[in-house]
Amino acid sequence: MKKQILITKCAVGASIDIFGGKWKSIILFYLLEGPIRFNELQRRVSGITQRMLTKQLRDLERDGLVHREAYPEVPPRVEYSLTATGETLKPILISLRKWGERYALNIIKNKI
């Protein structure tokens, strides 16, 4: 079903389906820094529940953007990182951050 959606939508719509929404782009942005453990990621993504973070990470993993590495240790350790395909989003995510910073400054300037 997911492949059919990608074929029938425009490229922008297909992209938004994969990494758009409230949480996925934020998760991907934090993963730009390198591998990160689940609890640390949850601390950084303010306001996300454990259940929602798990779901979003599974979706991103299914779509080939995130890699999950489970280490056979006690206690168990799981790290998430970007795949090579996920890394290709780096310039887009950095551009979104810069745009958001400029937009926020404009709002502040216009309200003062």
PDB file of N, CA and C in Angstrom:
ATOM      1  N   MET A   1       0.823  -1.193   0.000  1.00  0.00           N
ATOM      2  CA  MET A   1       0.000   0.000   0.000  1.00  0.00           C
ATOM      3  C   MET A   1       0.865   1.253   0.000  1.00  0.00           C
ATOM      4  N   LYS A   2       1.923   1.271   0.787  1.00  0.00           N
ATOM      5  CA  LYS A   2       2.787   2.447   0.870  1.00  0.00           C
ATOM      6  C   LYS A   2       3.417   2.761  -0.483  1.00  0.00           C
ATOM      7  N   LYS A   3       3.855   1.726  -1.209  1.00  0.00           N
ATOM      8  CA  LYS A   3       4.477   1.948  -2.517  1.00  0.00           C
ATOM      9  C   LYS A   3       3.488   2.574  -3.485  1.00  0.00           C
ATOM     10  N   GLN A   4       2.219   2.158  -3.434  1.00  0.00           N
ATOM     11  CA  GLN A   4       1.207   2.722  -4.313  1.00  0.00           C
ATOM     12  C   GLN A   4       1.007   4.206  -4.021  1.00  0.00           C
ATOM     13  N   ILE A   5       1.022   4.575  -2.761  1.00  0.00           N
ATOM     14  CA  ILE A   5       0.879   5.979  -2.387  1.00  0.00           C
ATOM     15  C   ILE A   5       2.019   6.786  -2.994  1.00  0.00           C
ATOM     16  N   LEU A   6       3.233   6.268  -2.931  1.00  0.00           N
ATOM     17  CA  LEU A   6       4.383   6.982  -3.470  1.00  0.00           C
ATOM     18  C   LEU A   6       4.285   7.169  -4.976  1.00  0.00           C
ATOM     19  N   ILE A   7       3.720   6.208  -5.658  1.00  0.00           N
ATOM     20  CA  ILE A   7       3.629   6.281  -7.109  1.00  0.00           C
ATOM     21  C   ILE A   7       2.545   7.263  -7.546  1.00  0.00           C
ATOM     22  N   THR A   8       1.428   7.319  -6.833  1.00  0.00           N
ATOM     23  CA  THR A   8       0.296   8.113  -7.276  1.00  0.00           C
ATOM     24  C   THR A   8       0.335   9.566  -6.820  1.00  0.00           C
ATOM     25  N   LYS A   9       1.133   9.926  -5.853  1.00  0.00           N
ATOM     26  CA  LYS A   9       1.214  11.303  -5.361  1.00  0.00           C
ATOM     27  C   LYS A   9       2.356  12.047  -6.028  1.00  0.00           C
ATOM     28  N   CYS A  10       2.301  13.365  -5.909  1.00  0.00           N
ATOM     29  CA  CYS A  10       3.436  14.146  -6.393  1.00  0.00           C
ATOM     30  C   CYS A  10       4.632  13.889  -5.477  1.00  0.00           C
ATOM     31  N   ALA A  11       5.789  14.276  -5.910  1.00  0.00           N
ATOM     32  CA  ALA A  11       7.019  14.010  -5.161  1.00  0.00           C
ATOM     33  C   ALA A  11       7.001  14.675  -3.788  1.00  0.00           C
ATOM     34  N   VAL A  12       6.457  15.874  -3.701  1.00  0.00           N
ATOM     35  CA  VAL A  12       6.395  16.562  -2.402  1.00  0.00           C
ATOM     36  C   VAL A  12       5.481  15.793  -1.455  1.00  0.00           C
ATOM     37  N   GLY A  13       4.328  15.371  -1.950  1.00  0.00           N
ATOM     38  CA  GLY A  13       3.406  14.603  -1.120  1.00  0.00           C
ATOM     39  C   GLY A  13       4.014  13.302  -0.641  1.00  0.00           C
ATOM     40  N   ALA A  14       4.729  12.641  -1.527  1.00  0.00           N
ATOM     41  CA  ALA A  14       5.392  11.394  -1.151  1.00  0.00           C
ATOM     42  C   ALA A  14       6.439  11.640  -0.070  1.00  0.00           C
ATOM     43  N   SER A  15       7.177  12.725  -0.199  1.00  0.00           N
ATOM     44  CA  SER A  15       8.202  13.057   0.799  1.00  0.00           C
ATOM     45  C   SER A  15       7.572  13.342   2.152  1.00  0.00           C
ATOM     46  N   ILE A  16       6.501  14.126   2.156  1.00  0.00           N
ATOM     47  CA  ILE A  16       5.828  14.457   3.405  1.00  0.00           C
ATOM     48  C   ILE A  16       5.250  13.201   4.049  1.00  0.00           C
ATOM     49  N   ASP A  17       4.767  12.264   3.255  1.00  0.00           N
ATOM     50  CA  ASP A  17       4.269  10.998   3.802  1.00  0.00           C
ATOM     51  C   ASP A  17       5.354  10.263   4.571  1.00  0.00           C
ATOM     52  N   ILE A  18       6.578  10.333   4.081  1.00  0.00           N
ATOM     53  CA  ILE A  18       7.671   9.580   4.685  1.00  0.00           C
ATOM     54  C   ILE A  18       8.233  10.269   5.928  1.00  0.00           C
ATOM     55  N   PHE A  19       8.564  11.563   5.847  1.00  0.00           N
ATOM     56  CA  PHE A  19       9.222  12.184   7.004  1.00  0.00           C
ATOM     57  C   PHE A  19       8.509  13.420   7.532  1.00  0.00           C
ATOM     58  N   GLY A  20       7.288  13.643   7.085  1.00  0.00           N
ATOM     59  CA  GLY A  20       6.532  14.791   7.566  1.00  0.00           C
ATOM     60  C   GLY A  20       5.814  14.485   8.865  1.00  0.00           C
ATOM     61  N   GLY A  21       4.957  15.385   9.245  1.00  0.00           N
ATOM     62  CA  GLY A  21       4.204  15.206  10.478  1.00  0.00           C
ATOM     63  C   GLY A  21       4.873  15.906  11.634  1.00  0.00           C
ATOM     64  N   LYS A  22       4.269  15.762  12.783  1.00  0.00           N
ATOM     65  CA  LYS A  22       4.714  16.495  13.966  1.00  0.00           C
ATOM     66  C   LYS A  22       6.058  16.019  14.510  1.00  0.00           C
ATOM     67  N   TRP A  23       6.322  14.726  14.468  1.00  0.00           N
ATOM     68  CA  TRP A  23       7.482  14.191  15.186  1.00  0.00           C
ATOM     69  C   TRP A  23       8.630  13.700  14.313  1.00  0.00           C
ATOM     70  N   LYS A  24       8.342  13.138  13.156  1.00  0.00           N
ATOM     71  CA  LYS A  24       9.384  12.462  12.390  1.00  0.00           C
ATOM     72  C   LYS A  24      10.544  13.375  12.007  1.00  0.00           C
ATOM     73  N   SER A  25      10.261  14.569  11.547  1.00  0.00           N
ATOM     74  CA  SER A  25      11.351  15.464  11.153  1.00  0.00           C
ATOM     75  C   SER A  25      12.195  15.870  12.357  1.00  0.00           C
ATOM     76  N   ILE A  26      11.555  16.026  13.515  1.00  0.00           N
ATOM     77  CA  ILE A  26      12.307  16.369  14.738  1.00  0.00           C
ATOM     78  C   ILE A  26      13.202  15.205  15.139  1.00  0.00           C
ATOM     79  N   ILE A  27      12.683  13.996  15.086  1.00  0.00           N
ATOM     80  CA  ILE A  27      13.473  12.802  15.402  1.00  0.00           C
ATOM     81  C   ILE A  27      14.666  12.705  14.448  1.00  0.00           C
ATOM     82  N   LEU A  28      14.403  12.869  13.167  1.00  0.00           N
ATOM     83  CA  LEU A  28      15.476  12.802  12.169  1.00  0.00           C
ATOM     84  C   LEU A  28      16.524  13.879  12.420  1.00  0.00           C
ATOM     85  N   PHE A  29      16.078  15.072  12.793  1.00  0.00           N
ATOM     86  CA  PHE A  29      17.018  16.160  13.062  1.00  0.00           C
ATOM     87  C   PHE A  29      17.976  15.788  14.199  1.00  0.00           C
ATOM     88  N   TYR A  30      17.461  15.229  15.278  1.00  0.00           N
ATOM     89  CA  TYR A  30      18.327  14.843  16.392  1.00  0.00           C
ATOM     90  C   TYR A  30      19.254  13.686  16.024  1.00  0.00           C
ATOM     91  N   LEU A  31      18.806  12.836  15.118  1.00  0.00           N
ATOM     92  CA  LEU A  31      19.661  11.725  14.691  1.00  0.00           C
ATOM     93  C   LEU A  31      20.795  12.180  13.776  1.00  0.00           C
ATOM     94  N   LEU A  32      20.733  13.415  13.280  1.00  0.00           N
ATOM     95  CA  LEU A  32      21.845  13.950  12.489  1.00  0.00           C
ATOM     96  C   LEU A  32      23.135  13.996  13.302  1.00  0.00           C
ATOM     97  N   GLU A  33      22.999  14.107  14.620  1.00  0.00           N
ATOM     98  CA  GLU A  33      24.162  14.205  15.511  1.00  0.00           C
ATOM     99  C   GLU A  33      24.894  12.880  15.665  1.00  0.00           C
ATOM    100  N   GLY A  34      24.251  11.781  15.261  1.00  0.00           N
ATOM    101  CA  GLY A  34      24.876  10.469  15.392  1.00  0.00           C
ATOM    102  C   GLY A  34      23.967   9.530  16.162  1.00  0.00           C
ATOM    103  N   PRO A  35      24.443   8.305  16.409  1.00  0.00           N
ATOM    104  CA  PRO A  35      23.620   7.314  17.111  1.00  0.00           C
ATOM    105  C   PRO A  35      23.182   7.829  18.477  1.00  0.00           C
ATOM    106  N   ILE A  36      21.954   7.484  18.824  1.00  0.00           N
ATOM    107  CA  ILE A  36      21.399   7.954  20.091  1.00  0.00           C
ATOM    108  C   ILE A  36      20.487   6.893  20.677  1.00  0.00           C
ATOM    109  N   ARG A  37      20.509   6.785  21.987  1.00  0.00           N
ATOM    110  CA  ARG A  37      19.676   5.800  22.671  1.00  0.00           C
ATOM    111  C   ARG A  37      18.247   6.319  22.794  1.00  0.00           C
ATOM    112  N   PHE A  38      17.324   5.387  22.949  1.00  0.00           N
ATOM    113  CA  PHE A  38      15.904   5.710  22.985  1.00  0.00           C
ATOM    114  C   PHE A  38      15.580   6.755  24.055  1.00  0.00           C
ATOM    115  N   ASN A  39      16.019   6.533  25.285  1.00  0.00           N
ATOM    116  CA  ASN A  39      15.677   7.450  26.377  1.00  0.00           C
ATOM    117  C   ASN A  39      16.236   8.848  26.149  1.00  0.00           C
ATOM    118  N   GLU A  40      17.427   8.937  25.608  1.00  0.00           N
ATOM    119  CA  GLU A  40      18.011  10.248  25.315  1.00  0.00           C
ATOM    120  C   GLU A  40      17.207  10.944  24.220  1.00  0.00           C
ATOM    121  N   LEU A  41      16.809  10.204  23.218  1.00  0.00           N
ATOM    122  CA  LEU A  41      15.995  10.767  22.146  1.00  0.00           C
ATOM    123  C   LEU A  41      14.659  11.266  22.697  1.00  0.00           C
ATOM    124  N   GLN A  42      14.065  10.506  23.600  1.00  0.00           N
ATOM    125  CA  GLN A  42      12.791  10.919  24.197  1.00  0.00           C
ATOM    126  C   GLN A  42      12.969  12.200  25.012  1.00  0.00           C
ATOM    127  N   ARG A  43      14.090  12.342  25.705  1.00  0.00           N
ATOM    128  CA  ARG A  43      14.347  13.580  26.468  1.00  0.00           C
ATOM    129  C   ARG A  43      14.475  14.782  25.539  1.00  0.00           C
ATOM    130  N   ARG A  44      15.124  14.583  24.401  1.00  0.00           N
ATOM    131  CA  ARG A  44      15.348  15.690  23.470  1.00  0.00           C
ATOM    132  C   ARG A  44      14.080  16.097  22.726  1.00  0.00           C
ATOM    133  N   VAL A  45      13.252  15.125  22.384  1.00  0.00           N
ATOM    134  CA  VAL A  45      12.017  15.419  21.648  1.00  0.00           C
ATOM    135  C   VAL A  45      10.938  15.733  22.681  1.00  0.00           C
ATOM    136  N   SER A  46      10.914  16.956  23.099  1.00  0.00           N
ATOM    137  CA  SER A  46      10.032  17.402  24.167  1.00  0.00           C
ATOM    138  C   SER A  46       8.562  17.192  23.809  1.00  0.00           C
ATOM    139  N   GLY A  47       7.836  16.539  24.726  1.00  0.00           N
ATOM    140  CA  GLY A  47       6.405  16.368  24.556  1.00  0.00           C
ATOM    141  C   GLY A  47       5.963  15.073  23.913  1.00  0.00           C
ATOM    142  N   ILE A  48       6.884  14.279  23.411  1.00  0.00           N
ATOM    143  CA  ILE A  48       6.499  13.024  22.763  1.00  0.00           C
ATOM    144  C   ILE A  48       6.373  11.926  23.817  1.00  0.00           C
ATOM    145  N   THR A  49       5.353  11.087  23.668  1.00  0.00           N
ATOM    146  CA  THR A  49       5.189   9.964  24.583  1.00  0.00           C
ATOM    147  C   THR A  49       6.076   8.804  24.138  1.00  0.00           C
ATOM    148  N   GLN A  50       6.324   7.888  25.059  1.00  0.00           N
ATOM    149  CA  GLN A  50       7.131   6.715  24.741  1.00  0.00           C
ATOM    150  C   GLN A  50       6.473   5.918  23.619  1.00  0.00           C
ATOM    151  N   ARG A  51       5.169   5.773  23.691  1.00  0.00           N
ATOM    152  CA  ARG A  51       4.443   5.011  22.676  1.00  0.00           C
ATOM    153  C   ARG A  51       4.562   5.653  21.295  1.00  0.00           C
ATOM    154  N   MET A  52       4.406   6.981  21.242  1.00  0.00           N
ATOM    155  CA  MET A  52       4.480   7.680  19.961  1.00  0.00           C
ATOM    156  C   MET A  52       5.901   7.638  19.401  1.00  0.00           C
ATOM    157  N   LEU A  53       6.909   7.800  20.258  1.00  0.00           N
ATOM    158  CA  LEU A  53       8.291   7.727  19.793  1.00  0.00           C
ATOM    159  C   LEU A  53       8.587   6.344  19.223  1.00  0.00           C
ATOM    160  N   THR A  54       8.128   5.312  19.898  1.00  0.00           N
ATOM    161  CA  THR A  54       8.319   3.950  19.406  1.00  0.00           C
ATOM    162  C   THR A  54       7.679   3.777  18.039  1.00  0.00           C
ATOM    163  N   LYS A  55       6.445   4.259  17.889  1.00  0.00           N
ATOM    164  CA  LYS A  55       5.740   4.134  16.614  1.00  0.00           C
ATOM    165  C   LYS A  55       6.464   4.893  15.505  1.00  0.00           C
ATOM    166  N   GLN A  56       6.880   6.123  15.794  1.00  0.00           N
ATOM    167  CA  GLN A  56       7.544   6.931  14.782  1.00  0.00           C
ATOM    168  C   GLN A  56       8.876   6.315  14.374  1.00  0.00           C
ATOM    169  N   LEU A  57       9.630   5.798  15.338  1.00  0.00           N
ATOM    170  CA  LEU A  57      10.904   5.147  15.021  1.00  0.00           C
ATOM    171  C   LEU A  57      10.688   3.895  14.182  1.00  0.00           C
ATOM    172  N   ARG A  58       9.658   3.136  14.493  1.00  0.00           N
ATOM    173  CA  ARG A  58       9.355   1.930  13.692  1.00  0.00           C
ATOM    174  C   ARG A  58       8.999   2.313  12.262  1.00  0.00           C
ATOM    175  N   ASP A  59       8.184   3.373  12.123  1.00  0.00           N
ATOM    176  CA  ASP A  59       7.830   3.839  10.778  1.00  0.00           C
ATOM    177  C   ASP A  59       9.065   4.273  10.006  1.00  0.00           C
ATOM    178  N   LEU A  60       9.920   5.043  10.654  1.00  0.00           N
ATOM    179  CA  LEU A  60      11.143   5.522   9.996  1.00  0.00           C
ATOM    180  C   LEU A  60      12.083   4.369   9.648  1.00  0.00           C
ATOM    181  N   GLU A  61      12.120   3.369  10.510  1.00  0.00           N
ATOM    182  CA  GLU A  61      12.938   2.184  10.233  1.00  0.00           C
ATOM    183  C   GLU A  61      12.345   1.415   9.047  1.00  0.00           C
ATOM    184  N   ARG A  62      11.027   1.234   9.036  1.00  0.00           N
ATOM    185  CA  ARG A  62      10.354   0.532   7.943  1.00  0.00           C
ATOM    186  C   ARG A  62      10.590   1.235   6.601  1.00  0.00           C
ATOM    187  N   ASP A  63      10.621   2.573   6.639  1.00  0.00           N
ATOM    188  CA  ASP A  63      10.808   3.349   5.415  1.00  0.00           C
ATOM    189  C   ASP A  63      12.272   3.495   5.007  1.00  0.00           C
ATOM    190  N   GLY A  64      13.179   2.899   5.781  1.00  0.00           N
ATOM    191  CA  GLY A  64      14.590   2.873   5.411  1.00  0.00           C
ATOM    192  C   GLY A  64      15.381   4.115   5.764  1.00  0.00           C
ATOM    193  N   LEU A  65      14.867   4.938   6.681  1.00  0.00           N
ATOM    194  CA  LEU A  65      15.578   6.159   7.064  1.00  0.00           C
ATOM    195  C   LEU A  65      16.351   6.007   8.363  1.00  0.00           C
ATOM    196  N   VAL A  66      15.930   5.083   9.212  1.00  0.00           N
ATOM    197  CA  VAL A  66      16.533   4.900  10.534  1.00  0.00           C
ATOM    198  C   VAL A  66      16.953   3.445  10.699  1.00  0.00           C
ATOM    199  N   HIS A  67      18.091   3.267  11.351  1.00  0.00           N
ATOM    200  CA  HIS A  67      18.609   1.939  11.678  1.00  0.00           C
ATOM    201  C   HIS A  67      18.526   1.743  13.188  1.00  0.00           C
ATOM    202  N   ARG A  68      18.032   0.591  13.600  1.00  0.00           N
ATOM    203  CA  ARG A  68      17.948   0.234  15.024  1.00  0.00           C
ATOM    204  C   ARG A  68      18.992  -0.819  15.303  1.00  0.00           C
ATOM    205  N   GLU A  69      19.854  -0.541  16.280  1.00  0.00           N
ATOM    206  CA  GLU A  69      20.910  -1.485  16.656  1.00  0.00           C
ATOM    207  C   GLU A  69      20.700  -1.896  18.107  1.00  0.00           C
ATOM    208  N   ALA A  70      20.424  -3.186  18.321  1.00  0.00           N
ATOM    209  CA  ALA A  70      20.254  -3.729  19.670  1.00  0.00           C
ATOM    210  C   ALA A  70      21.531  -4.464  20.059  1.00  0.00           C
ATOM    211  N   TYR A  71      22.101  -4.087  21.183  1.00  0.00           N
ATOM    212  CA  TYR A  71      23.335  -4.701  21.660  1.00  0.00           C
ATOM    213  C   TYR A  71      23.008  -5.752  22.719  1.00  0.00           C
ATOM    214  N   PRO A  72      23.627  -6.930  22.621  1.00  0.00           N
ATOM    215  CA  PRO A  72      23.340  -8.009  23.576  1.00  0.00           C
ATOM    216  C   PRO A  72      24.071  -7.774  24.899  1.00  0.00           C
ATOM    217  N   GLU A  73      23.564  -6.834  25.666  1.00  0.00           N
ATOM    218  CA  GLU A  73      24.178  -6.474  26.947  1.00  0.00           C
ATOM    219  C   GLU A  73      23.117  -6.550  28.037  1.00  0.00           C
ATOM    220  N   VAL A  74      23.569  -6.539  29.261  1.00  0.00           N
ATOM    221  CA  VAL A  74      22.666  -6.439  30.404  1.00  0.00           C
ATOM    222  C   VAL A  74      23.064  -5.185  31.164  1.00  0.00           C
ATOM    223  N   PRO A  75      22.170  -4.219  31.289  1.00  0.00           N
ATOM    224  CA  PRO A  75      20.835  -4.156  30.702  1.00  0.00           C
ATOM    225  C   PRO A  75      20.919  -3.935  29.187  1.00  0.00           C
ATOM    226  N   PRO A  76      19.852  -4.280  28.465  1.00  0.00           N
ATOM    227  CA  PRO A  76      19.865  -4.134  27.008  1.00  0.00           C
ATOM    228  C   PRO A  76      20.099  -2.684  26.592  1.00  0.00           C
ATOM    229  N   ARG A  77      20.814  -2.506  25.502  1.00  0.00           N
ATOM    230  CA  ARG A  77      21.075  -1.172  24.971  1.00  0.00           C
ATOM    231  C   ARG A  77      20.648  -1.164  23.513  1.00  0.00           C
ATOM    232  N   VAL A  78      19.855  -0.161  23.163  1.00  0.00           N
ATOM    233  CA  VAL A  78      19.391  -0.004  21.790  1.00  0.00           C
ATOM    234  C   VAL A  78      19.733   1.409  21.344  1.00  0.00           C
ATOM    235  N   GLU A  79      20.345   1.521  20.184  1.00  0.00           N
ATOM    236  CA  GLU A  79      20.675   2.826  19.617  1.00  0.00           C
ATOM    237  C   GLU A  79      20.013   2.969  18.252  1.00  0.00           C
ATOM    238  N   TYR A  80      19.681   4.197  17.943  1.00  0.00           N
ATOM    239  CA  TYR A  80      19.095   4.519  16.640  1.00  0.00           C
ATOM    240  C   TYR A  80      20.041   5.455  15.915  1.00  0.00           C
ATOM    241  N   SER A  81      20.129   5.275  14.605  1.00  0.00           N
ATOM    242  CA  SER A  81      20.964   6.139  13.776  1.00  0.00           C
ATOM    243  C   SER A  81      20.322   6.253  12.404  1.00  0.00           C
ATOM    244  N   LEU A  82      20.806   7.194  11.632  1.00  0.00           N
ATOM    245  CA  LEU A  82      20.306   7.358  10.274  1.00  0.00           C
ATOM    246  C   LEU A  82      20.956   6.344   9.349  1.00  0.00           C
ATOM    247  N   THR A  83      20.199   5.856   8.406  1.00  0.00           N
ATOM    248  CA  THR A  83      20.756   5.019   7.347  1.00  0.00           C
ATOM    249  C   THR A  83      21.386   5.953   6.313  1.00  0.00           C
ATOM    250  N   ALA A  84      22.006   5.382   5.300  1.00  0.00           N
ATOM    251  CA  ALA A  84      22.570   6.203   4.220  1.00  0.00           C
ATOM    252  C   ALA A  84      21.462   7.029   3.560  1.00  0.00           C
ATOM    253  N   THR A  85      20.291   6.445   3.388  1.00  0.00           N
ATOM    254  CA  THR A  85      19.166   7.191   2.814  1.00  0.00           C
ATOM    255  C   THR A  85      18.723   8.294   3.758  1.00  0.00           C
ATOM    256  N   GLY A  86      18.678   8.004   5.041  1.00  0.00           N
ATOM    257  CA  GLY A  86      18.327   9.024   6.035  1.00  0.00           C
ATOM    258  C   GLY A  86      19.305  10.182   6.027  1.00  0.00           C
ATOM    259  N   GLU A  87      20.580   9.884   5.831  1.00  0.00           N
ATOM    260  CA  GLU A  87      21.605  10.936   5.787  1.00  0.00           C
ATOM    261  C   GLU A  87      21.370  11.914   4.639  1.00  0.00           C
ATOM    262  N   THR A  88      20.726  11.453   3.566  1.00  0.00           N
ATOM    263  CA  THR A  88      20.480  12.352   2.439  1.00  0.00           C
ATOM    264  C   THR A  88      19.497  13.465   2.798  1.00  0.00           C
ATOM    265  N   LEU A  89      18.801  13.327   3.923  1.00  0.00           N
ATOM    266  CA  LEU A  89      17.873  14.370   4.371  1.00  0.00           C
ATOM    267  C   LEU A  89      18.577  15.505   5.116  1.00  0.00           C
ATOM    268  N   LYS A  90      19.855  15.343   5.393  1.00  0.00           N
ATOM    269  CA  LYS A  90      20.581  16.340   6.189  1.00  0.00           C
ATOM    270  C   LYS A  90      20.440  17.762   5.643  1.00  0.00           C
ATOM    271  N   PRO A  91      20.701  18.029   4.361  1.00  0.00           N
ATOM    272  CA  PRO A  91      20.570  19.411   3.888  1.00  0.00           C
ATOM    273  C   PRO A  91      19.136  19.937   3.982  1.00  0.00           C
ATOM    274  N   ILE A  92      18.172  19.061   3.820  1.00  0.00           N
ATOM    275  CA  ILE A  92      16.771  19.482   3.914  1.00  0.00           C
ATOM    276  C   ILE A  92      16.431  19.867   5.351  1.00  0.00           C
ATOM    277  N   LEU A  93      16.834  19.034   6.306  1.00  0.00           N
ATOM    278  CA  LEU A  93      16.530  19.302   7.711  1.00  0.00           C
ATOM    279  C   LEU A  93      17.257  20.547   8.213  1.00  0.00           C
ATOM    280  N   ILE A  94      18.491  20.738   7.777  1.00  0.00           N
ATOM    281  CA  ILE A  94      19.229  21.940   8.178  1.00  0.00           C
ATOM    282  C   ILE A  94      18.581  23.178   7.569  1.00  0.00           C
ATOM    283  N   SER A  95      18.137  23.082   6.331  1.00  0.00           N
ATOM    284  CA  SER A  95      17.440  24.205   5.702  1.00  0.00           C
ATOM    285  C   SER A  95      16.135  24.513   6.425  1.00  0.00           C
ATOM    286  N   LEU A  96      15.405  23.492   6.831  1.00  0.00           N
ATOM    287  CA  LEU A  96      14.169  23.708   7.593  1.00  0.00           C
ATOM    288  C   LEU A  96      14.449  24.412   8.913  1.00  0.00           C
ATOM    289  N   ARG A  97      15.531  24.016   9.582  1.00  0.00           N
ATOM    290  CA  ARG A  97      15.896  24.675  10.841  1.00  0.00           C
ATOM    291  C   ARG A  97      16.214  26.149  10.606  1.00  0.00           C
ATOM    292  N   LYS A  98      16.998  26.439   9.578  1.00  0.00           N
ATOM    293  CA  LYS A  98      17.350  27.827   9.283  1.00  0.00           C
ATOM    294  C   LYS A  98      16.122  28.642   8.922  1.00  0.00           C
ATOM    295  N   TRP A  99      15.232  28.065   8.118  1.00  0.00           N
ATOM    296  CA  TRP A  99      14.013  28.761   7.751  1.00  0.00           C
ATOM    297  C   TRP A  99      13.173  29.056   8.996  1.00  0.00           C
ATOM    298  N   GLY A 100      13.048  28.069   9.882  1.00  0.00           N
ATOM    299  CA  GLY A 100      12.290  28.241  11.121  1.00  0.00           C
ATOM    300  C   GLY A 100      12.877  29.323  12.011  1.00  0.00           C
ATOM    301  N   GLU A 101      14.200  29.396  12.081  1.00  0.00           N
ATOM    302  CA  GLU A 101      14.849  30.441  12.879  1.00  0.00           C
ATOM    303  C   GLU A 101      14.549  31.821  12.303  1.00  0.00           C
ATOM    304  N   ARG A 102      14.651  31.968  10.982  1.00  0.00           N
ATOM    305  CA  ARG A 102      14.354  33.249  10.337  1.00  0.00           C
ATOM    306  C   ARG A 102      12.887  33.630  10.522  1.00  0.00           C
ATOM    307  N   TYR A 103      12.008  32.660  10.374  1.00  0.00           N
ATOM    308  CA  TYR A 103      10.580  32.903  10.531  1.00  0.00           C
ATOM    309  C   TYR A 103      10.275  33.372  11.949  1.00  0.00           C
ATOM    310  N   ALA A 104      10.845  32.704  12.936  1.00  0.00           N
ATOM    311  CA  ALA A 104      10.624  33.088  14.327  1.00  0.00           C
ATOM    312  C   ALA A 104      11.131  34.500  14.593  1.00  0.00           C
ATOM    313  N   LEU A 105      12.283  34.858  14.038  1.00  0.00           N
ATOM    314  CA  LEU A 105      12.806  36.216  14.208  1.00  0.00           C
ATOM    315  C   LEU A 105      11.883  37.250  13.584  1.00  0.00           C
ATOM    316  N   ASN A 106      11.326  36.947  12.424  1.00  0.00           N
ATOM    317  CA  ASN A 106      10.392  37.867  11.782  1.00  0.00           C
ATOM    318  C   ASN A 106       9.143  38.077  12.625  1.00  0.00           C
ATOM    319  N   ILE A 107       8.648  37.023  13.220  1.00  0.00           N
ATOM    320  CA  ILE A 107       7.470  37.139  14.076  1.00  0.00           C
ATOM    321  C   ILE A 107       7.790  38.021  15.271  1.00  0.00           C
ATOM    322  N   ILE A 108       8.947  37.793  15.877  1.00  0.00           N
ATOM    323  CA  ILE A 108       9.347  38.597  17.051  1.00  0.00           C
ATOM    324  C   ILE A 108       9.479  40.054  16.664  1.00  0.00           C
ATOM    325  N   LYS A 109      10.119  40.324  15.534  1.00  0.00           N
ATOM    326  CA  LYS A 109      10.314  41.705  15.078  1.00  0.00           C
ATOM    327  C   LYS A 109       8.980  42.393  14.790  1.00  0.00           C
ATOM    328  N   ASN A 110       8.055  41.687  14.187  1.00  0.00           N
ATOM    329  CA  ASN A 110       6.778  42.290  13.816  1.00  0.00           C
ATOM    330  C   ASN A 110       5.839  42.474  14.999  1.00  0.00           C
ATOM    331  N   LYS A 111       6.041  41.744  16.081  1.00  0.00           N
ATOM    332  CA  LYS A 111       5.176  41.880  17.260  1.00  0.00           C
ATOM    333  C   LYS A 111       5.673  42.932  18.237  1.00  0.00           C
ATOM    334  N   ILE A 112       6.927  43.283  18.127  1.00  0.00           N
ATOM    335  CA  ILE A 112       7.495  44.259  19.071  1.00  0.00           C
ATOM    336  C   ILE A 112       7.255  45.665  18.580  1.00  0.00           C
TER     337      ILE A 112
END
